[in-house]
Structure formats: structure tokens, C-alpha cells
Protein backbone atom coordinates (compact mmCIF):
# COMPACT_ATOMS: atom_id res chain seq x y z
CA UNK A 1 -24.77 -15.44 29.61
CA UNK A 2 -24.19 -12.19 30.20
CA UNK A 3 -26.40 -9.61 28.61
CA UNK A 4 -25.72 -6.44 26.86
CA UNK A 5 -26.72 -3.18 28.49
CA UNK A 6 -28.49 -1.03 26.03
CA UNK A 7 -27.65 1.92 27.75
CA UNK A 8 -23.86 1.75 27.52
CA UNK A 9 -21.73 2.42 24.38
CA UNK A 10 -24.22 5.12 22.92
CA UNK A 11 -21.99 8.24 23.39
CA UNK A 12 -18.41 9.02 22.42
CA UNK A 13 -15.75 8.73 24.82
CA UNK A 14 -14.31 12.02 26.12
CA UNK A 15 -11.11 11.41 24.71
CA UNK A 16 -10.25 10.53 21.31
CA UNK A 17 -7.74 8.56 19.51
CA UNK A 18 -6.09 8.88 16.51
CA UNK A 19 -5.80 6.21 14.11
CA UNK A 20 -2.77 4.39 13.13
CA UNK A 21 -2.14 3.30 9.58
CA UNK A 22 -3.23 -0.26 9.40
CA UNK A 23 -3.19 -0.79 13.17
CA UNK A 24 -5.34 -3.89 14.29
CA UNK A 25 -8.69 -3.70 16.13
CA UNK A 26 -7.16 -5.26 19.15
CA UNK A 27 -4.33 -2.66 19.47
CA UNK A 28 -6.86 0.14 18.57
CA UNK A 29 -9.25 -0.94 21.34
CA UNK A 30 -6.80 -1.31 24.00
CA UNK A 31 -5.30 1.93 23.33
CA UNK A 32 -8.59 3.82 23.49
CA UNK A 33 -9.08 2.12 26.68
CA UNK A 34 -6.02 3.45 28.28
CA UNK A 35 -6.14 6.69 26.80
CA UNK A 36 -9.80 7.14 28.75
CA UNK A 37 -7.91 5.33 31.84
CA UNK A 38 -10.14 2.44 31.82
CA UNK A 39 -9.43 -1.23 31.96
CA UNK A 40 -9.98 -2.71 28.52
CA UNK A 41 -12.63 -4.52 30.19
CA UNK A 42 -14.64 -1.61 30.59
CA UNK A 43 -14.25 -0.19 27.44
CA UNK A 44 -15.64 -3.42 25.87
CA UNK A 45 -18.55 -3.63 28.21
CA UNK A 46 -19.64 -0.92 26.38
CA UNK A 47 -19.07 -2.34 22.78
CA UNK A 48 -21.40 -5.47 23.99
CA UNK A 49 -20.34 -8.96 25.71
CA UNK A 50 -17.53 -11.50 24.83
CA UNK A 51 -14.59 -13.37 26.11
CA UNK A 52 -11.85 -12.29 28.40
CA UNK A 53 -9.37 -9.56 26.13
CA UNK A 54 -5.90 -10.83 24.75
CA UNK A 55 -3.08 -9.02 24.79
CA UNK A 56 -3.19 -7.30 21.25
CA UNK A 57 0.34 -8.57 20.43
CA UNK A 58 -0.92 -12.13 20.02
CA UNK A 59 -3.62 -11.78 18.28
CA UNK A 60 -6.56 -9.87 16.25
CA UNK A 61 -9.96 -9.05 17.68
CA UNK A 62 -13.20 -9.43 15.35
CA UNK A 63 -16.50 -7.81 15.97
CA UNK A 64 -19.96 -8.26 15.21
CA UNK A 65 -22.30 -5.56 13.37
CA UNK A 66 -23.62 -4.70 16.77
CA UNK A 67 -20.07 -4.07 18.11
CA UNK A 68 -18.97 -2.26 15.35
CA UNK A 69 -21.44 0.33 15.56
CA UNK A 70 -20.87 0.86 19.42
CA UNK A 71 -17.11 0.88 18.85
CA UNK A 72 -17.78 3.80 16.06
CA UNK A 73 -19.92 5.60 18.58
CA UNK A 74 -17.19 5.29 21.40
CA UNK A 75 -14.46 6.25 18.89
CA UNK A 76 -16.60 9.36 17.90
CA UNK A 77 -16.67 8.57 13.99
CA UNK A 78 -18.95 6.97 11.55
CA UNK A 79 -19.30 2.79 10.81
CA UNK A 80 -17.59 3.85 7.25
CA UNK A 81 -14.65 5.72 8.90
CA UNK A 82 -13.68 3.08 11.36
CA UNK A 83 -13.88 0.44 8.50
CA UNK A 84 -11.56 2.38 6.80
CA UNK A 85 -8.95 2.76 9.47
CA UNK A 86 -9.46 -0.53 10.52
CA UNK A 87 -9.50 -3.69 8.31
CA UNK A 88 -10.81 -6.27 11.03
CA UNK A 89 -13.91 -4.48 11.50
CA UNK A 90 -14.82 -4.39 7.51
CA UNK A 91 -18.16 -6.49 6.28
CA UNK A 92 -15.66 -9.33 5.23
CA UNK A 93 -14.45 -10.16 8.52
CA UNK A 94 -17.47 -9.29 10.91
CA UNK A 95 -18.45 -12.33 13.31
CA UNK A 96 -21.41 -14.17 11.91
CA UNK A 97 -24.90 -12.91 12.62
CA UNK A 98 -26.35 -14.54 15.71
CA UNK A 99 -23.01 -15.28 17.53
CA UNK A 100 -23.35 -15.49 21.10
CA UNK A 101 -20.49 -13.01 21.54
CA UNK A 102 -20.08 -9.39 20.14
CA UNK A 103 -16.15 -10.01 19.87
CA UNK A 104 -13.74 -12.68 19.56
CA UNK A 105 -10.17 -12.86 20.10
CA UNK A 106 -9.55 -16.01 18.13
CA UNK A 107 -5.62 -17.35 18.18
CA UNK A 108 -5.00 -17.14 14.31
CA UNK A 109 -5.48 -13.84 12.91
CA UNK A 110 -8.03 -14.51 9.85
CA UNK A 111 -6.07 -12.22 7.38
CA UNK A 112 -2.69 -11.30 7.95
CA UNK A 113 -0.37 -10.95 10.61
CA UNK A 114 0.32 -8.94 14.26
CA UNK A 115 3.51 -7.02 13.48
CA UNK A 116 4.54 -4.21 16.09
CA UNK A 117 3.77 -0.76 14.58
CA UNK A 118 7.20 1.51 14.27
CA UNK A 119 7.45 3.42 17.70
CA UNK A 120 8.08 6.77 15.85
CA UNK A 121 5.24 6.87 13.79
CA UNK A 122 3.13 5.73 16.57
CA UNK A 123 4.58 8.43 18.62
CA UNK A 124 4.05 10.89 16.16
CA UNK A 125 0.15 9.90 16.17
CA UNK A 126 0.18 10.52 20.19
CA UNK A 127 1.01 6.95 21.47
CA UNK A 128 3.47 6.24 23.69
CA UNK A 129 2.62 2.45 24.27
CA UNK A 130 3.54 -0.49 21.79
CA UNK A 131 0.68 -0.49 18.97
CA UNK A 132 0.12 -3.59 16.69
CA UNK A 133 -0.66 -3.73 12.68
CA UNK A 134 -2.30 -6.32 10.86
CA UNK A 135 -0.53 -6.68 8.02
CA UNK A 136 -0.44 -9.44 4.75
CA UNK A 137 3.12 -10.14 5.87
CA UNK A 138 4.58 -10.92 9.09
CA UNK A 139 7.27 -8.07 8.72
CA UNK A 140 7.00 -4.43 8.11
CA UNK A 141 9.65 -1.90 6.81
CA UNK A 142 8.99 1.89 8.02
CA UNK A 143 10.87 4.00 5.17
CA UNK A 144 9.88 7.23 7.21
CA UNK A 145 12.52 5.99 10.12
CA UNK A 146 14.03 3.29 8.45
CA UNK A 147 12.72 0.36 10.94
CA UNK A 148 12.29 -3.30 10.47
CA UNK A 149 9.63 -4.86 12.62
CA UNK A 150 8.53 -7.90 12.32
CA UNK A 151 5.95 -10.50 14.23
CA UNK A 152 7.92 -11.46 16.84
CA UNK A 153 6.08 -9.63 19.54
CA UNK A 154 9.21 -8.99 21.44
CA UNK A 155 9.05 -5.81 23.64
CA UNK A 156 12.85 -6.08 24.51
CA UNK A 157 13.99 -5.42 20.89
CA UNK A 158 11.25 -4.19 18.89
CA UNK A 159 12.73 -3.26 15.79
CA UNK A 160 16.35 -3.51 13.70
CA UNK A 161 17.50 -0.07 12.67
CA UNK A 162 18.34 -0.18 8.73
CA UNK A 163 20.68 2.59 8.85
CA UNK A 164 23.38 0.05 8.20
CA UNK A 165 21.12 -2.23 5.68
CA UNK A 166 20.45 0.44 3.19
CA UNK A 167 19.97 -2.57 0.58
CA UNK A 168 16.60 -3.39 2.78
CA UNK A 169 15.44 -0.06 2.26
CA UNK A 170 16.16 0.17 -0.78
CA UNK A 171 14.41 -3.00 -1.99
CA UNK A 172 11.18 -2.15 0.07
CA UNK A 173 11.18 1.23 -1.96
CA UNK A 174 11.46 -0.83 -5.15
CA UNK A 175 8.61 -3.19 -4.11
CA UNK A 176 6.29 -0.40 -3.08
CA UNK A 177 7.00 1.26 -6.46
CA UNK A 178 5.89 -1.79 -8.08
CA UNK A 179 2.34 -1.56 -6.22
CA UNK A 180 3.14 -4.68 -4.45
CA UNK A 181 4.35 -3.04 -1.31
CA UNK A 182 3.07 -0.79 1.21
CA UNK A 183 4.29 2.48 2.61
CA UNK A 184 4.25 3.35 6.18
CA UNK A 185 3.56 6.75 6.54
CA UNK A 186 0.36 7.38 7.82
């Protein structure tokens, strides 16, 4: 079994990354590694020990308390802020104490669906590559840019333009006003 290096992950990375609303942990970790010009495996070595990473569009990444602490340090924020920004690192989703690994990429997300982020919203936060959200529904309507994304994970057709479907936008706006929907504006 691999062992943790106690000296790794004890200082923030040089290049920080802005969070995206509802971003999955796997997407954030992958983007943070890319921002620092590292393979994701190199960043994860600073977070702890675990299996090979999975592409973030396929499943969510879950972490232990130790890994959450290290990820917060590397990200340059507190654990409280990290937990506020990344739903899947909150206490209820942490891996059980005593787990052999510090992170896992199970094939089924435990609470939600992996949905592609609106690329225009992501770009406004400094992201040029695809980013992924973890949401309670298998689809998302970006009201700011009039785009529908879903959990198809296709990079060929990442969204549906809703300019020709104003009824969908109105329905999402009504849903948001009722308190049951989510607004995509970060």
C-alpha cells in the first residue's frame, strides 16, 4: 500500500482557481491540476493516497477528512469555504474514517448527477476547458446564457441553445421563483 508523504500538500499552490457554482469535486481537482500545469495524479499525491483518477465527466470524487484538509490548503482556502463551494466535500459525503484511501471515484455519484457546466459561465470564471457540476437533476438550464446542459457527457454537443425555446426558459424561471429550481448565475 502507498503511504502519504507528510510534507506534500502543506502549502497553497502558486496558481489559484476560482470556484464554479455547484462544481463537482472531480472537476475542480482536475482544473486545479491543469491550472498549475500538473497531471492530476501529481496534485492528488499532495492530497493523500487513492486509486487512479477518473475523468470528471463520468463520476464524482469523494474524499476523506485528511484529503479535504489537504485540498483546502492546496486551494488556498479554509475547509469551511471548500465545503461551502464543493458540495461533495461536506461532512455527510466524506469517506468513512479508517478508509484505506483518501479519495475515491465510485461509478455512481452518491447524491446527484454529473452535468456539464455552461461553458460561457465557466469562461467568465476563467475556465476554458469543460467543467462539470454535481446537481440533483440530470439537466441544468443556464438562465444567463439560455443554454440547456444535461448528463449526456458529450463534448460534441455540450448544450442546447434555448433561444428558439422560450417556454423552457420561462418554465425554469417559474421553477426558480417557486423555490424548487436553481439559478445558474455564479
